[in-house]
Amino acid sequence: MLPLKIYAWIGVMVSLPPCTRQSCTQGTPKECLDAEFAPGSNLAGEGFDITKLERKGAFVIDMNQWKLKDKTCTLCSNPYLENKKQKLPVSVVDWRSKASCTMQITSKLHRSSESLVTSSSSSVDNNWQANLDIQKGNKAASMMLAGTHSKLAEYSMGKTKNDKFSFTSQGTSCTFYSLRVSDFPKLSNEFRRAVRGLPKTYSPEYKARFYKLIDNFGTHYITKVRLGGSAHSVTSIRQCQASLQGLSTEEVQMCLEAEASATVKATMKSVMKHCKKDTEKMEFKTSFSGLFNDRFTEIKGGQTTEPDLLFSADKNPAAYKEWLNTLPLNPDIVSYSLNSLHELLQVDHPAQKNLRSAISHYILERGLWRNCSEPCRAGVKSDSRDPCVCQCHNDPAVNQECCPTRKGMARVIITVERGSGLWGDYITATDGYVKVFFNNVLFHRTRVIYNNNNPHWGSVVDLGTQDLSAGQRVRFEVWDQDNNWDDDLLGECDRVLSGGRQAGCLRPAPRPNVLQVEGGMCAESEWSVVHHLQTLPDAAESEESLRVPPRTPDPQGPVVRDGRVCDPSRVNRKPESKCGAAAVRLLLS
């Protein structure tokens, strides 16, 4: 019967204004001995690391002591557990049964991991920086401190290192109790011993001793809590994957919010209708939470076996209600206030000032700068809400997030890096340059580097946005300049554009064996070619080697003799004339 009664309370809570009840009295020694602790009453007073947003599991306040001097205690009636009388630790005050459950999903969109990490400390109700020496001056807006080493930060930053991601968060919470720690709480014996063991000075020599205490107990302790349960999910949206499905990140966020709302029985009929149309046009006919299922989920309080609780409406419709029913008996912290550990010590305590300095240094050392100085690979930084976000404008091939509007579209960038072992002249070194053809049209010609068999061109060729599915080709020709009209082609290769990053070159071959053939000169002309070019937004790596055989000679063109190519038109020329080709190395990125 108990779960049914609990859920009846929930029904009242979501339909009426929150009510606050304080029904605590002083119990007799026998009543206190027989009574259980109020659910979650020991969750305040625990150590907390603000850089990890993590409870340490070590208590700085003694939350097991309940006896007052006269062996009595504070007993409170719990309306969610049939008004059962339960006792409180002596360090706990202001216990309330405070109901606040809303059938509503909170949803936010973050376009960078920095934005997500910055928002992750929103469950802290007070200014956790108070009385610490961590003023960051003019750079305050560029530094992140809270949550920089949290699991959520690791998750999101790991994503954005490899691709363009946005993150959407959905969450809901339900609170039943609130309480706070008294102004003069009883410290735990373990924390007292740790403080007594601190050196009398804080210096580089003793820094590790102070950091050991921080590692055990954290930077802060929890002073005030709201208890109940919360479910929070952060979904990674690969921006260009969504774009190729014809979806914006805003649409994905909206539809995930609608699906989560269905779990908590909130209605978003117009949105659901729009999202249903979107799923019908997607390549995979599935729910948004099924298609975008790379999620970081935290469920606090209660008991459930459903890992994807917020999106369980279709898979397990009863899961959310069942979880709600378990919250009054098994609450966890929904939101909290923090004080620095050094504030537990008296102002005149010899370790107070040193511990304050150590905690401040620890937090600053683990802070992260919002590094938005890197130039955009595509687009410009024009988002006033997030200076780390790059946006594209006035380009029909890509959307505002710099993603292709349809499959096959990519920006193609080629870099003609360098050559090695060129051989174009007999007396002097090669006067080399490279021609780049796109769809059989000359698109770019590098500068000529004179008298150098190992030139470095470093020439960037931006083909702009192209359709890779159309089988478009790029051809590279390496030339030795003479008089422009009689320049010598040293080698060439063709490449069909495809997605990814492809590295390659015309591999150096042995220096040509020069033969005297009917008074002319000729050279070997077989080439080994590896290409390197880059298409955006894809970042896949691939390498491929191509063998380019000698071109088939026409009757008046070059002929093959003894495995070598000779050009009859050059017969009877002076010995300094040349033919064929030497080895060329091209790196195209």
Protein backbone atom coordinates (compact mmCIF):
# COMPACT_ATOMS: atom_id res chain seq x y z
CA MET A 1 0.00 0.00 0.00
CA LEU A 2 2.89 2.37 0.71
CA PRO A 3 3.93 3.01 -2.92
CA LEU A 4 0.34 3.83 -3.86
CA LYS A 5 0.10 6.37 -1.08
CA ILE A 6 3.39 7.95 -2.08
CA TYR A 7 2.26 8.36 -5.64
CA ALA A 8 -0.99 9.87 -4.42
CA TRP A 9 1.13 12.51 -2.70
CA ILE A 10 2.92 13.14 -5.97
CA GLY A 11 -0.40 13.71 -7.69
CA VAL A 12 -1.22 16.36 -5.08
CA MET A 13 2.18 17.97 -5.42
CA VAL A 14 2.00 18.55 -9.14
CA SER A 15 -1.46 20.08 -8.90
CA LEU A 16 -1.14 22.26 -5.79
CA PRO A 17 1.33 24.94 -4.67
CA PRO A 18 4.28 23.48 -2.73
CA CYS A 19 3.56 23.05 0.96
CA THR A 20 6.12 23.24 3.72
CA ARG A 21 5.71 21.31 6.95
CA GLN A 22 7.82 21.42 10.07
CA SER A 23 6.67 18.89 12.61
CA CYS A 24 9.75 18.27 14.70
CA THR A 25 9.78 17.76 18.46
CA GLN A 26 12.18 16.63 21.13
CA GLY A 27 11.95 12.88 21.58
CA THR A 28 12.46 10.84 24.70
CA PRO A 29 15.64 8.77 25.04
CA LYS A 30 13.70 5.58 24.24
CA GLU A 31 11.91 7.12 21.25
CA CYS A 32 15.23 8.37 19.93
CA LEU A 33 16.88 5.00 20.36
CA ASP A 34 14.10 3.25 18.45
CA ALA A 35 13.75 5.84 15.67
CA GLU A 36 15.46 5.69 12.30
CA PHE A 37 17.31 8.60 10.74
CA ALA A 38 15.21 10.73 8.39
CA PRO A 39 15.95 9.76 4.76
CA GLY A 40 18.92 11.69 3.41
CA SER A 41 19.50 13.59 6.65
CA ASN A 42 23.19 12.64 6.58
CA LEU A 43 23.81 13.90 3.04
CA ALA A 44 24.84 17.37 4.19
CA GLY A 45 28.24 17.70 5.83
CA GLU A 46 29.98 15.65 3.15
CA GLY A 47 33.19 16.79 1.46
CA PHE A 48 32.88 18.04 -2.12
CA ASP A 49 35.39 18.73 -4.93
CA ILE A 50 34.19 21.73 -6.95
CA THR A 51 36.53 20.99 -9.87
CA LYS A 52 34.97 17.55 -10.30
CA LEU A 53 31.47 18.46 -9.07
CA GLU A 54 31.84 15.29 -7.05
CA ARG A 55 30.95 14.27 -3.53
CA LYS A 56 34.01 12.73 -1.89
CA GLY A 57 32.28 10.12 0.25
CA ALA A 58 34.20 11.43 3.26
CA PHE A 59 32.37 13.45 5.92
CA VAL A 60 33.94 16.52 7.49
CA ILE A 61 30.99 16.82 9.90
CA ASP A 62 29.89 14.05 12.25
CA MET A 63 26.47 13.07 10.87
CA ASN A 64 26.11 9.95 13.01
CA GLN A 65 25.82 11.77 16.33
CA TRP A 66 22.17 12.29 17.28
CA LYS A 67 22.19 12.39 21.08
CA LEU A 68 21.79 15.72 22.80
CA LYS A 69 23.33 16.29 26.21
CA ASP A 70 20.26 14.92 27.97
CA LYS A 71 20.24 11.84 25.67
CA THR A 72 17.22 13.14 23.82
CA CYS A 73 17.09 13.99 20.12
CA THR A 74 15.13 15.84 17.47
CA LEU A 75 12.28 13.76 16.01
CA CYS A 76 10.38 14.79 12.88
CA SER A 77 7.17 13.37 11.37
CA ASN A 78 7.58 12.36 7.74
CA PRO A 79 4.30 12.93 5.84
CA TYR A 80 5.53 10.89 2.87
CA LEU A 81 6.15 7.81 5.01
CA GLU A 82 2.83 7.68 6.92
CA ASN A 83 3.94 10.40 9.39
CA LYS A 84 6.59 8.14 10.79
CA LYS A 85 8.80 9.86 13.41
CA GLN A 86 12.44 9.94 12.41
CA LYS A 87 15.49 11.45 14.11
CA LEU A 88 18.03 13.98 12.87
CA PRO A 89 21.79 14.29 13.46
CA VAL A 90 22.67 16.98 16.03
CA SER A 91 24.41 19.03 13.32
CA VAL A 92 21.24 19.24 11.18
CA VAL A 93 18.73 22.07 11.55
CA ASP A 94 15.75 23.42 9.63
CA TRP A 95 14.53 20.04 8.39
CA ARG A 96 11.42 20.46 6.24
CA SER A 97 9.16 18.18 4.26
CA LYS A 98 8.98 20.38 1.21
CA ALA A 99 7.19 19.04 -1.85
CA SER A 100 8.10 20.36 -5.27
CA CYS A 101 7.46 18.17 -8.30
CA THR A 102 6.72 19.55 -11.74
CA MET A 103 5.59 17.65 -14.80
CA GLN A 104 7.91 19.67 -16.98
CA ILE A 105 11.22 19.10 -18.75
CA THR A 106 13.95 21.72 -18.67
CA SER A 107 15.89 21.79 -21.93
CA LYS A 108 18.95 23.71 -23.10
CA LEU A 109 21.14 23.72 -26.20
CA HIS A 110 24.91 24.17 -25.93
CA ARG A 111 26.91 24.75 -29.09
CA SER A 112 30.28 24.03 -27.51
CA SER A 113 31.72 21.88 -24.74
CA GLU A 114 32.86 25.09 -23.00
CA SER A 115 29.28 26.29 -22.76
CA LEU A 116 28.16 22.93 -21.39
CA VAL A 117 30.90 22.80 -18.74
CA THR A 118 30.16 26.37 -17.67
CA SER A 119 26.51 25.48 -17.09
CA SER A 120 27.26 22.26 -15.20
CA SER A 121 27.52 24.01 -11.82
CA SER A 122 23.93 25.30 -12.00
CA SER A 123 22.88 22.94 -9.20
CA VAL A 124 25.05 24.94 -6.76
CA ASP A 125 22.68 27.40 -5.09
CA ASN A 126 25.20 29.83 -3.59
CA ASN A 127 28.47 31.56 -4.48
CA TRP A 128 30.98 28.79 -3.90
CA GLN A 129 33.90 31.17 -4.56
CA ALA A 130 33.13 33.27 -1.48
CA ASN A 131 36.07 33.74 0.92
CA LEU A 132 38.54 32.09 -1.48
CA ASP A 133 41.43 33.85 -3.18
CA ILE A 134 40.53 33.02 -6.78
CA GLN A 135 39.83 36.42 -8.25
CA LYS A 136 40.72 36.14 -11.94
CA GLY A 137 40.77 39.84 -12.79
CA ASN A 138 39.99 40.88 -16.33
CA LYS A 139 40.32 37.30 -17.55
CA ALA A 140 37.42 36.06 -15.43
CA ALA A 141 35.13 35.54 -18.39
CA SER A 142 37.74 33.37 -20.13
CA MET A 143 38.40 30.92 -17.32
CA MET A 144 36.36 27.93 -16.24
CA LEU A 145 36.81 26.58 -12.71
CA ALA A 146 33.81 24.56 -11.55
CA GLY A 147 33.42 21.16 -13.15
CA THR A 148 36.51 21.34 -15.36
CA HIS A 149 37.49 17.79 -14.36
CA SER A 150 34.01 16.34 -14.05
CA LYS A 151 32.85 13.27 -15.92
CA LEU A 152 30.58 15.47 -18.03
CA ALA A 153 33.53 17.67 -19.01
CA GLU A 154 35.58 14.64 -20.02
CA TYR A 155 32.66 13.31 -22.05
CA SER A 156 31.92 16.53 -23.94
CA MET A 157 35.50 17.66 -24.53
CA GLY A 158 36.41 14.21 -25.82
CA LYS A 159 33.66 14.59 -28.41
CA THR A 160 34.62 18.03 -29.69
CA LYS A 161 38.24 17.02 -30.22
CA ASN A 162 37.17 14.80 -33.10
CA ASP A 163 34.16 16.43 -34.75
CA LYS A 164 31.64 19.28 -34.68
CA PHE A 165 29.22 18.64 -31.82
CA SER A 166 26.42 20.47 -30.09
CA PHE A 167 24.95 19.24 -26.83
CA THR A 168 21.36 19.33 -25.67
CA SER A 169 20.39 18.72 -22.06
CA GLN A 170 17.04 17.57 -20.74
CA GLY A 171 16.21 17.20 -17.10
CA THR A 172 13.54 17.01 -14.45
CA SER A 173 13.56 16.89 -10.66
CA CYS A 174 11.31 16.29 -7.70
CA THR A 175 12.14 17.39 -4.14
CA PHE A 176 10.63 16.20 -0.87
CA TYR A 177 12.89 17.45 1.93
CA SER A 178 15.26 20.28 2.73
CA LEU A 179 17.71 20.84 5.58
CA ARG A 180 20.94 22.61 6.45
CA VAL A 181 23.99 22.19 8.64
CA SER A 182 24.10 24.21 11.87
CA ASP A 183 26.46 27.16 12.15
CA PHE A 184 28.68 25.35 14.67
CA PRO A 185 28.60 21.69 13.61
CA LYS A 186 30.49 18.85 15.25
CA LEU A 187 33.50 17.97 13.08
CA SER A 188 34.24 14.35 12.25
CA ASN A 189 37.18 12.77 14.03
CA GLU A 190 38.80 11.87 10.70
CA PHE A 191 38.76 15.48 9.50
CA ARG A 192 40.07 16.76 12.85
CA ARG A 193 43.05 14.40 12.63
CA ALA A 194 43.75 15.44 9.03
CA VAL A 195 43.77 19.13 9.99
CA ARG A 196 46.03 18.50 13.00
CA GLY A 197 48.50 16.79 10.69
CA LEU A 198 48.90 19.80 8.38
CA PRO A 199 52.25 21.66 8.38
CA LYS A 200 52.37 25.06 10.07
CA THR A 201 53.22 26.78 6.79
CA TYR A 202 51.93 26.43 3.24
CA SER A 203 54.86 26.41 0.82
CA PRO A 204 56.00 24.44 -2.25
CA GLU A 205 57.76 22.10 0.14
CA TYR A 206 54.53 21.22 1.97
CA LYS A 207 52.07 21.67 -0.89
CA ALA A 208 51.59 17.91 -1.35
CA ARG A 209 50.53 17.52 2.31
CA PHE A 210 47.72 20.03 1.88
CA TYR A 211 46.69 18.54 -1.46
CA LYS A 212 46.40 15.12 0.16
CA LEU A 213 43.76 16.50 2.53
CA ILE A 214 41.95 18.05 -0.46
CA ASP A 215 42.11 14.75 -2.30
CA ASN A 216 40.45 13.01 0.65
CA PHE A 217 37.88 15.61 1.69
CA GLY A 218 37.53 17.91 -1.31
CA THR A 219 37.57 21.69 -1.56
CA HIS A 220 34.18 22.39 0.06
CA TYR A 221 31.55 20.82 2.25
CA ILE A 222 27.80 20.67 1.66
CA THR A 223 25.93 23.06 3.96
CA LYS A 224 22.35 23.08 2.67
CA VAL A 225 20.45 20.60 0.52
CA ARG A 226 17.17 19.96 -1.21
CA LEU A 227 16.53 16.22 -1.27
CA GLY A 228 14.55 14.13 -3.71
CA GLY A 229 15.48 12.89 -7.16
CA SER A 230 16.61 14.17 -10.52
CA ALA A 231 17.15 12.74 -13.98
CA HIS A 232 19.45 14.61 -16.32
CA SER A 233 20.62 13.61 -19.80
CA VAL A 234 23.09 15.33 -22.13
CA THR A 235 22.82 14.16 -25.73
CA SER A 236 25.64 14.67 -28.22
CA ILE A 237 24.47 15.94 -31.59
CA ARG A 238 26.94 15.45 -34.41
CA GLN A 239 26.03 18.64 -36.22
CA CYS A 240 26.69 17.54 -39.77
CA GLN A 241 24.97 14.18 -39.24
CA ALA A 242 21.85 16.09 -38.27
CA SER A 243 22.26 18.45 -41.21
CA LEU A 244 22.41 15.58 -43.70
CA GLN A 245 19.14 14.30 -42.23
CA GLY A 246 17.63 17.70 -43.01
CA LEU A 247 17.58 18.70 -39.33
CA SER A 248 18.96 21.63 -37.40
CA THR A 249 20.35 21.22 -33.89
CA GLU A 250 17.42 23.31 -32.64
CA GLU A 251 14.97 20.81 -34.14
CA VAL A 252 16.81 17.89 -32.53
CA GLN A 253 16.73 19.64 -29.16
CA MET A 254 13.03 20.45 -29.51
CA CYS A 255 12.08 16.89 -30.45
CA LEU A 256 14.19 15.33 -27.69
CA GLU A 257 12.46 17.67 -25.25
CA ALA A 258 9.09 16.53 -26.60
CA GLU A 259 9.99 12.85 -26.21
CA ALA A 260 11.26 13.42 -22.66
CA SER A 261 8.08 15.35 -21.87
CA ALA A 262 6.04 12.36 -22.97
CA THR A 263 7.86 10.31 -20.33
CA VAL A 264 6.77 12.64 -17.53
CA LYS A 265 3.27 12.87 -19.05
CA ALA A 266 3.61 16.50 -20.12
CA THR A 267 2.00 17.34 -23.45
CA MET A 268 3.62 19.07 -26.41
CA LYS A 269 1.12 18.10 -29.10
CA SER A 270 2.09 20.64 -31.75
CA VAL A 271 5.78 19.88 -31.33
CA MET A 272 5.19 16.12 -31.43
CA LYS A 273 3.27 16.52 -34.68
CA HIS A 274 6.17 18.43 -36.22
CA CYS A 275 8.69 15.86 -34.96
CA LYS A 276 6.66 12.99 -36.38
CA LYS A 277 6.91 14.58 -39.83
CA ASP A 278 10.67 14.91 -39.36
CA THR A 279 11.07 11.23 -38.48
CA GLU A 280 9.20 10.24 -41.63
CA LYS A 281 11.72 12.02 -43.86
CA MET A 282 14.78 10.69 -42.02
CA GLU A 283 16.88 7.89 -43.47
CA PHE A 284 16.24 5.77 -40.37
CA LYS A 285 12.60 5.70 -39.32
CA THR A 286 13.11 5.88 -35.58
CA SER A 287 12.56 8.21 -32.66
CA PHE A 288 14.88 11.15 -32.11
CA SER A 289 16.15 9.62 -28.90
CA GLY A 290 16.84 6.43 -30.86
CA LEU A 291 18.73 8.18 -33.66
CA PHE A 292 20.60 10.58 -31.37
CA ASN A 293 21.42 8.11 -28.63
CA ASP A 294 24.95 9.09 -27.58
CA ARG A 295 24.09 10.32 -24.11
CA PHE A 296 25.57 11.12 -20.72
CA THR A 297 22.89 10.40 -18.11
CA GLU A 298 22.79 10.99 -14.36
CA ILE A 299 19.93 9.68 -12.25
CA LYS A 300 20.04 10.79 -8.63
CA GLY A 301 17.84 9.35 -5.94
CA GLY A 302 15.34 6.54 -5.98
CA GLN A 303 15.72 3.15 -7.58
CA THR A 304 15.38 2.20 -11.23
CA THR A 305 16.75 -0.34 -13.67
CA GLU A 306 15.97 1.85 -16.70
CA PRO A 307 19.25 3.50 -17.84
CA ASP A 308 17.57 5.88 -20.30
CA LEU A 309 14.87 7.00 -17.88
CA LEU A 310 13.96 10.30 -19.55
CA PHE A 311 13.29 8.60 -22.89
CA SER A 312 11.53 5.47 -21.64
CA ALA A 313 7.94 6.38 -22.62
CA ASP A 314 7.83 3.85 -25.46
CA LYS A 315 10.17 1.17 -24.10
CA ASN A 316 9.04 1.09 -20.47
CA PRO A 317 6.07 3.42 -19.82
CA ALA A 318 5.87 2.56 -16.11
CA ALA A 319 9.55 3.19 -15.36
CA TYR A 320 9.25 6.88 -14.53
CA LYS A 321 6.31 6.48 -12.14
CA GLU A 322 8.01 3.56 -10.44
CA TRP A 323 11.14 5.67 -9.95
CA LEU A 324 9.10 8.55 -8.48
CA ASN A 325 7.54 6.19 -5.96
CA THR A 326 10.96 5.28 -4.56
CA LEU A 327 12.19 8.85 -4.00
CA PRO A 328 10.72 9.64 -0.53
CA LEU A 329 12.45 6.61 0.96
CA ASN A 330 15.68 6.92 -1.06
CA PRO A 331 16.28 10.62 -1.73
CA ASP A 332 19.49 12.12 -3.02
CA ILE A 333 20.76 15.68 -3.35
CA VAL A 334 18.97 17.69 -6.03
CA SER A 335 20.59 21.06 -5.30
CA TYR A 336 23.00 22.26 -2.63
CA SER A 337 25.01 25.09 -1.13
CA LEU A 338 28.74 24.91 -0.46
CA ASN A 339 31.27 26.46 1.90
CA SER A 340 35.02 26.14 1.62
CA LEU A 341 36.57 23.64 4.04
CA HIS A 342 38.72 26.31 5.68
CA GLU A 343 35.54 27.97 7.02
CA LEU A 344 35.05 25.03 9.38
CA LEU A 345 38.11 26.22 11.30
CA GLN A 346 38.21 29.18 13.67
CA VAL A 347 39.75 32.36 12.27
CA ASP A 348 42.63 32.10 14.73
CA HIS A 349 43.26 28.41 13.93
CA PRO A 350 46.86 28.02 12.67
CA ALA A 351 45.75 25.96 9.64
CA GLN A 352 42.83 28.17 8.57
CA LYS A 353 44.73 30.64 6.41
CA ASN A 354 47.03 27.99 4.92
CA LEU A 355 44.14 25.69 4.02
CA ARG A 356 42.37 28.61 2.34
CA SER A 357 45.46 29.29 0.20
CA ALA A 358 45.91 25.62 -0.69
CA ILE A 359 42.27 25.24 -1.78
CA SER A 360 42.47 28.42 -3.87
CA HIS A 361 45.65 27.27 -5.61
CA TYR A 362 44.22 23.79 -6.22
CA ILE A 363 41.11 25.20 -7.93
CA LEU A 364 43.10 27.65 -10.07
CA GLU A 365 45.58 24.97 -11.12
CA ARG A 366 42.75 22.80 -12.40
CA GLY A 367 40.96 25.63 -14.17
CA LEU A 368 40.69 25.75 -17.96
CA TRP A 369 40.92 28.76 -20.23
CA ARG A 370 38.22 29.23 -22.80
CA ASN A 371 40.61 29.11 -25.75
CA CYS A 372 38.66 30.76 -28.53
CA SER A 373 41.68 32.30 -30.25
CA GLU A 374 41.99 29.51 -32.81
CA PRO A 375 40.76 30.58 -36.26
CA CYS A 376 37.70 28.88 -37.67
CA ARG A 377 38.41 26.11 -40.17
CA ALA A 378 35.22 27.28 -41.81
CA GLY A 379 33.08 30.34 -41.21
CA VAL A 380 33.62 33.11 -38.69
CA LYS A 381 32.97 33.65 -34.99
CA SER A 382 29.77 35.64 -35.01
CA ASP A 383 27.71 34.00 -32.25
CA SER A 384 27.39 36.53 -29.43
CA ARG A 385 26.10 33.80 -27.08
CA ASP A 386 29.21 31.65 -27.40
CA PRO A 387 32.50 33.13 -28.67
CA CYS A 388 33.93 29.66 -29.34
CA VAL A 389 31.34 28.82 -32.02
CA CYS A 390 32.08 29.21 -35.73
CA GLN A 391 29.22 30.06 -38.07
CA CYS A 392 28.88 30.25 -41.84
CA HIS A 393 26.87 32.87 -43.70
CA ASN A 394 25.84 33.51 -47.30
CA ASP A 395 26.95 30.12 -48.61
CA PRO A 396 24.12 28.08 -50.18
CA ALA A 397 26.16 24.86 -49.96
CA VAL A 398 26.39 24.91 -46.15
CA ASN A 399 24.08 25.89 -43.32
CA GLN A 400 24.79 28.28 -40.45
CA GLU A 401 26.69 25.53 -38.63
CA CYS A 402 29.03 25.16 -41.63
CA CYS A 403 27.64 21.71 -42.46
CA PRO A 404 26.70 20.61 -45.99
CA THR A 405 23.06 20.98 -46.87
CA ARG A 406 23.07 17.63 -48.69
CA LYS A 407 25.22 14.53 -48.98
CA GLY A 408 28.35 14.71 -51.08
CA MET A 409 29.03 18.39 -50.46
CA ALA A 410 32.42 19.28 -49.02
CA ARG A 411 35.01 21.99 -49.13
CA VAL A 412 38.12 20.83 -50.99
CA ILE A 413 41.52 22.24 -50.07
CA ILE A 414 44.74 21.12 -51.79
CA THR A 415 48.26 22.07 -50.79
CA VAL A 416 51.10 21.52 -53.25
CA GLU A 417 53.90 21.16 -50.74
CA ARG A 418 57.27 20.31 -52.27
CA GLY A 419 59.24 18.31 -54.78
CA SER A 420 62.38 16.22 -54.40
CA GLY A 421 64.81 14.72 -56.86
CA LEU A 422 63.47 16.62 -59.88
CA TRP A 423 65.43 16.27 -63.10
CA GLY A 424 64.49 18.53 -65.95
CA ASP A 425 67.73 20.16 -67.13
CA TYR A 426 71.10 18.58 -67.90
CA ILE A 427 73.34 21.52 -67.19
CA THR A 428 71.40 23.46 -64.53
CA ALA A 429 68.90 22.41 -61.87
CA THR A 430 65.17 22.25 -62.57
CA ASP A 431 62.99 25.34 -62.92
CA GLY A 432 59.92 23.59 -61.52
CA TYR A 433 56.27 24.49 -61.21
CA VAL A 434 52.98 22.59 -60.85
CA LYS A 435 49.70 22.96 -62.71
CA VAL A 436 46.45 21.93 -61.00
CA PHE A 437 43.52 21.08 -63.27
CA PHE A 438 39.97 20.70 -62.03
CA ASN A 439 37.56 18.95 -64.38
CA ASN A 440 40.12 19.35 -67.20
CA VAL A 441 40.29 23.12 -66.72
CA LEU A 442 43.48 24.78 -65.48
CA PHE A 443 42.58 26.01 -62.00
CA HIS A 444 45.91 26.95 -60.49
CA ARG A 445 49.58 27.25 -61.38
CA THR A 446 52.26 27.51 -58.71
CA ARG A 447 55.15 29.90 -58.90
CA VAL A 448 58.34 28.77 -60.63
CA ILE A 449 61.24 27.90 -58.36
CA TYR A 450 64.41 28.29 -60.38
CA ASN A 451 67.49 26.07 -60.36
CA ASN A 452 66.26 23.77 -57.62
CA ASN A 453 65.72 20.03 -57.88
CA ASN A 454 64.08 20.01 -54.43
CA PRO A 455 61.65 22.95 -54.53
CA HIS A 456 59.19 23.86 -51.80
CA TRP A 457 56.07 25.49 -53.25
CA GLY A 458 53.68 25.44 -50.27
CA SER A 459 50.91 26.54 -52.58
CA VAL A 460 47.33 26.27 -51.25
CA VAL A 461 44.54 25.59 -53.74
CA ASP A 462 41.03 26.08 -52.38
CA LEU A 463 38.50 24.51 -54.74
CA GLY A 464 35.67 25.73 -52.54
CA THR A 465 32.57 23.65 -51.90
CA GLN A 466 32.21 20.76 -54.33
CA ASP A 467 29.88 17.81 -54.85
CA LEU A 468 32.01 14.73 -54.20
CA SER A 469 29.31 12.41 -55.51
CA ALA A 470 29.67 13.79 -59.04
CA GLY A 471 32.97 12.02 -59.80
CA GLN A 472 34.92 15.24 -60.34
CA ARG A 473 38.63 14.90 -61.05
CA VAL A 474 41.78 16.78 -60.16
CA ARG A 475 44.95 16.48 -62.26
CA PHE A 476 48.44 17.52 -61.24
CA GLU A 477 51.21 18.20 -63.74
CA VAL A 478 54.83 18.93 -62.84
CA TRP A 479 56.70 21.06 -65.36
CA ASP A 480 60.21 22.32 -66.00
CA GLN A 481 60.15 25.84 -67.41
CA ASP A 482 62.18 26.66 -70.51
CA ASN A 483 60.68 29.36 -72.72
CA ASN A 484 57.04 28.82 -71.73
CA TRP A 485 56.16 27.53 -75.21
CA ASP A 486 58.58 24.58 -74.94
CA ASP A 487 58.34 23.75 -71.22
CA ASP A 488 58.83 20.10 -70.33
CA LEU A 489 56.18 17.97 -68.65
CA LEU A 490 57.96 15.95 -65.97
CA GLY A 491 54.97 13.98 -64.72
CA GLU A 492 51.24 13.98 -64.10
CA CYS A 493 48.56 12.14 -62.17
CA ASP A 494 44.78 12.20 -61.83
CA ARG A 495 42.56 11.82 -58.80
CA VAL A 496 38.80 11.48 -58.39
CA LEU A 497 37.61 13.63 -55.49
CA SER A 498 36.39 11.64 -52.50
CA GLY A 499 35.68 12.37 -48.87
CA GLY A 500 38.34 12.44 -46.21
CA ARG A 501 41.97 13.45 -45.88
CA GLN A 502 44.21 11.76 -48.44
CA ALA A 503 47.97 12.02 -48.34
CA GLY A 504 50.18 11.33 -51.30
CA CYS A 505 52.98 12.21 -53.66
CA LEU A 506 54.75 11.42 -56.88
CA ARG A 507 57.34 9.18 -55.29
CA PRO A 508 61.00 9.79 -56.12
CA ALA A 509 62.31 7.33 -58.67
CA PRO A 510 65.99 6.63 -59.40
CA ARG A 511 67.68 9.34 -61.42
CA PRO A 512 66.93 8.54 -65.09
CA ASN A 513 69.47 6.54 -67.05
CA VAL A 514 70.28 8.76 -70.01
CA LEU A 515 70.82 6.89 -73.28
CA GLN A 516 72.03 8.05 -76.66
CA VAL A 517 69.38 6.95 -79.17
CA GLU A 518 69.86 8.00 -82.76
CA GLY A 519 71.58 11.15 -81.63
CA GLY A 520 68.82 12.12 -79.15
CA MET A 521 68.33 11.75 -75.41
CA CYS A 522 65.67 9.80 -73.52
CA ALA A 523 64.89 8.77 -69.95
CA GLU A 524 62.79 6.31 -67.96
CA SER A 525 59.27 7.58 -67.42
CA GLU A 526 57.35 5.27 -65.07
CA TRP A 527 55.89 7.02 -62.01
CA SER A 528 54.70 6.05 -58.56
CA VAL A 529 52.04 8.44 -57.24
CA VAL A 530 50.53 8.97 -53.79
CA HIS A 531 47.99 11.77 -53.41
CA HIS A 532 47.20 13.94 -50.41
CA LEU A 533 44.17 16.21 -50.38
CA GLN A 534 41.68 17.31 -47.77
CA THR A 535 37.93 17.62 -47.96
CA LEU A 536 35.91 19.26 -45.20
CA PRO A 537 33.95 18.55 -43.04
CA ASP A 538 35.06 14.90 -43.26
CA ALA A 539 38.15 14.06 -41.27
CA ALA A 540 38.72 10.40 -42.12
CA GLU A 541 42.25 9.40 -43.08
CA SER A 542 43.06 7.33 -46.16
CA GLU A 543 46.11 6.69 -48.29
CA GLU A 544 46.27 5.16 -51.74
CA SER A 545 49.15 4.61 -54.14
CA LEU A 546 48.63 4.72 -57.90
CA ARG A 547 50.93 3.51 -60.64
CA VAL A 548 50.85 5.73 -63.68
CA PRO A 549 52.31 3.84 -66.68
CA PRO A 550 54.00 5.57 -69.59
CA ARG A 551 51.51 7.08 -71.97
CA THR A 552 50.93 5.07 -75.13
CA PRO A 553 53.01 6.76 -77.85
CA ASP A 554 51.48 7.73 -81.13
CA PRO A 555 53.42 6.96 -84.35
CA GLN A 556 55.00 10.40 -84.30
CA GLY A 557 55.35 10.57 -80.52
CA PRO A 558 57.66 8.95 -77.98
CA VAL A 559 58.70 5.34 -78.62
CA VAL A 560 59.80 2.65 -76.20
CA ARG A 561 63.26 1.15 -76.58
CA ASP A 562 64.88 -1.13 -74.05
CA GLY A 563 62.25 -0.24 -71.45
CA ARG A 564 62.77 3.48 -71.91
CA VAL A 565 60.76 6.20 -73.60
CA CYS A 566 62.34 8.25 -76.33
CA ASP A 567 60.89 11.16 -78.26
CA PRO A 568 61.84 10.99 -81.96
CA SER A 569 61.19 14.68 -82.26
CA ARG A 570 64.24 15.26 -80.11
CA VAL A 571 66.56 13.09 -82.21
CA ASN A 572 69.67 14.90 -83.48
CA ARG A 573 69.20 17.62 -80.87
CA LYS A 574 72.10 18.87 -78.85
CA PRO A 575 73.12 16.72 -75.91
CA GLU A 576 71.83 19.35 -73.43
CA SER A 577 68.23 18.86 -74.58
CA LYS A 578 66.07 16.53 -72.50
CA CYS A 579 63.06 14.26 -72.68
CA GLY A 580 60.97 11.98 -70.48
CA ALA A 581 60.58 12.79 -66.78
CA ALA A 582 62.29 12.53 -63.47
CA ALA A 583 60.89 11.78 -60.04
CA VAL A 584 58.62 14.25 -58.30
CA ARG A 585 57.23 14.24 -54.77
CA LEU A 586 53.98 16.15 -54.17
CA LEU A 587 52.16 16.46 -50.87
CA LEU A 588 48.59 17.61 -51.44
CA SER A 589 46.49 18.44 -48.40
